[in-house]
Amino acid sequence: MIPVPESKQQATSESDAPSCDSSLVHLERIRQVQSEIVTTEKAQQMAQFFGAMADPHRLKLLSALVKAELCVCDLAAVVKMSESAVSHQLRLLRNLRLVKYRREGRNVYYSLADDHVVNLYREVAEHLEEA
């Protein structure tokens, strides 16, 4: 075992995050992972997506839309928000392709964009229930 420098020991005791005892680089693993790492552009898109999912109001809207297609006024009633606030949040979710809408006469009905969004929402909810 390689001795850990005193400064490294102090840093370890100050945080709960485990770290390497030495700066040994595993080149084969790095090469393997490096070719698969997400591009900066894709990472920015994903960050924007997760940013949208980080808002409790938007998550409440998504939780309602997992259950049923709803119009703006029904969504506003179920999540206890104004129609204006709901419309604003839906616009953001629509721009990120998380929800879609259809018109029926004067009403606009929203639903989740596809099964990926439904599955993502359900997976996160199930994961949190396990904890």
Protein backbone atom coordinates (compact mmCIF):
# COMPACT_ATOMS: atom_id res chain seq x y z
CA MET A 1 0.00 0.00 0.00
CA ILE A 2 1.30 3.43 -0.91
CA PRO A 3 1.24 5.87 2.02
CA VAL A 4 -1.33 8.66 1.72
CA PRO A 5 0.07 12.17 2.09
CA GLU A 6 -1.08 13.97 5.24
CA SER A 7 -3.00 16.59 3.23
CA LYS A 8 -4.92 13.78 1.49
CA GLN A 9 -5.74 12.15 4.86
CA GLN A 10 -7.10 15.44 6.16
CA ALA A 11 -9.26 15.98 3.06
CA THR A 12 -10.68 12.47 3.41
CA SER A 13 -11.63 12.96 7.03
CA GLU A 14 -13.33 16.26 6.23
CA SER A 15 -15.68 14.74 3.65
CA ASP A 16 -17.64 11.53 3.42
CA ALA A 17 -16.72 10.98 -0.22
CA PRO A 18 -14.25 8.13 -0.68
CA SER A 19 -11.34 8.75 -3.02
CA CYS A 20 -8.28 6.98 -4.38
CA ASP A 21 -5.31 6.41 -2.10
CA SER A 22 -2.95 7.07 -5.00
CA SER A 23 -3.00 8.80 -8.35
CA LEU A 24 -2.71 5.58 -10.35
CA VAL A 25 -4.26 6.03 -13.80
CA HIS A 26 -5.78 3.00 -15.52
CA LEU A 27 -5.12 3.81 -19.19
CA GLU A 28 -7.12 0.92 -20.63
CA ARG A 29 -10.24 1.94 -18.67
CA ILE A 30 -9.77 5.57 -19.65
CA ARG A 31 -9.53 4.69 -23.34
CA GLN A 32 -12.59 2.49 -23.07
CA VAL A 33 -14.71 5.15 -21.39
CA GLN A 34 -13.38 8.17 -23.25
CA SER A 35 -14.72 7.00 -26.60
CA GLU A 36 -18.20 6.63 -25.09
CA ILE A 37 -18.40 9.85 -23.08
CA VAL A 38 -21.21 12.24 -23.96
CA THR A 39 -20.37 15.19 -26.21
CA THR A 40 -20.46 18.71 -24.79
CA GLU A 41 -23.49 19.57 -26.95
CA LYS A 42 -25.39 16.49 -25.78
CA ALA A 43 -24.38 17.19 -22.17
CA GLN A 44 -25.77 20.72 -22.48
CA GLN A 45 -29.06 19.36 -23.88
CA MET A 46 -29.26 16.83 -21.07
CA ALA A 47 -28.53 19.51 -18.46
CA GLN A 48 -31.34 21.63 -19.89
CA PHE A 49 -33.65 18.60 -19.75
CA PHE A 50 -32.75 17.79 -16.13
CA GLY A 51 -33.06 21.47 -15.26
CA ALA A 52 -36.64 21.39 -16.48
CA MET A 53 -37.25 18.27 -14.41
CA ALA A 54 -35.82 19.99 -11.32
CA ASP A 55 -38.87 22.19 -10.81
CA PRO A 56 -41.56 20.84 -8.43
CA HIS A 57 -44.40 22.56 -10.33
CA ARG A 58 -43.37 20.97 -13.63
CA LEU A 59 -43.06 17.58 -11.92
CA LYS A 60 -46.58 17.96 -10.54
CA LEU A 61 -47.82 18.68 -14.06
CA LEU A 62 -45.97 15.63 -15.39
CA SER A 63 -47.40 13.47 -12.60
CA ALA A 64 -50.91 14.50 -13.62
CA LEU A 65 -50.17 13.88 -17.30
CA VAL A 66 -48.84 10.40 -16.52
CA LYS A 67 -52.39 9.56 -15.45
CA ALA A 68 -54.42 11.29 -18.19
CA GLU A 69 -54.52 13.74 -21.06
CA LEU A 70 -55.79 17.03 -19.61
CA CYS A 71 -56.65 20.53 -20.77
CA VAL A 72 -54.97 23.58 -19.27
CA CYS A 73 -57.92 24.44 -17.03
CA ASP A 74 -58.09 20.87 -15.67
CA LEU A 75 -54.33 20.85 -15.08
CA ALA A 76 -54.56 24.19 -13.27
CA ALA A 77 -57.30 22.82 -11.02
CA VAL A 78 -55.54 19.55 -10.24
CA VAL A 79 -52.16 21.13 -9.37
CA LYS A 80 -53.70 24.24 -7.76
CA MET A 81 -51.97 26.78 -10.00
CA SER A 82 -53.29 29.56 -12.20
CA GLU A 83 -53.98 28.75 -15.84
CA SER A 84 -51.40 31.35 -16.81
CA ALA A 85 -48.71 29.68 -14.66
CA VAL A 86 -49.62 26.25 -16.03
CA SER A 87 -49.46 27.53 -19.60
CA HIS A 88 -46.02 29.00 -18.94
CA GLN A 89 -44.73 25.70 -17.54
CA LEU A 90 -46.31 23.70 -20.37
CA ARG A 91 -44.64 25.95 -22.94
CA LEU A 92 -41.25 25.14 -21.44
CA LEU A 93 -42.06 21.41 -21.30
CA ARG A 94 -43.29 21.53 -24.90
CA ASN A 95 -40.09 23.27 -26.08
CA LEU A 96 -38.10 20.41 -24.52
CA ARG A 97 -40.41 17.89 -26.23
CA LEU A 98 -41.61 16.45 -22.93
CA VAL A 99 -45.28 17.17 -23.59
CA LYS A 100 -47.39 17.48 -26.72
CA TYR A 101 -50.82 18.94 -27.32
CA ARG A 102 -53.82 18.58 -29.56
CA ARG A 103 -56.68 20.94 -30.24
CA GLU A 104 -60.29 19.95 -29.93
CA GLY A 105 -62.45 22.90 -30.82
CA ARG A 106 -61.42 25.71 -28.47
CA ASN A 107 -59.74 23.40 -25.97
CA VAL A 108 -56.11 22.33 -25.98
CA TYR A 109 -55.33 18.95 -24.44
CA TYR A 110 -51.86 18.06 -23.19
CA SER A 111 -50.24 14.67 -22.78
CA LEU A 112 -46.73 13.36 -22.28
CA ALA A 113 -44.76 13.37 -25.51
CA ASP A 114 -44.02 9.65 -25.66
CA ASP A 115 -43.36 6.49 -23.67
CA HIS A 116 -39.79 7.59 -22.92
CA VAL A 117 -41.09 10.47 -20.82
CA VAL A 118 -43.65 8.24 -19.10
CA ASN A 119 -41.00 5.61 -18.34
CA LEU A 120 -38.49 8.18 -17.11
CA TYR A 121 -41.01 9.70 -14.72
CA ARG A 122 -42.08 6.30 -13.41
CA GLU A 123 -38.49 5.05 -13.01
CA VAL A 124 -37.52 8.08 -10.93
CA ALA A 125 -40.68 7.78 -8.81
CA GLU A 126 -40.02 4.06 -8.22
CA HIS A 127 -36.36 4.71 -7.41
CA LEU A 128 -37.31 7.26 -4.76
CA GLU A 129 -39.87 4.90 -3.23
CA GLU A 130 -37.16 2.25 -2.77
CA ALA A 131 -35.00 4.51 -0.59
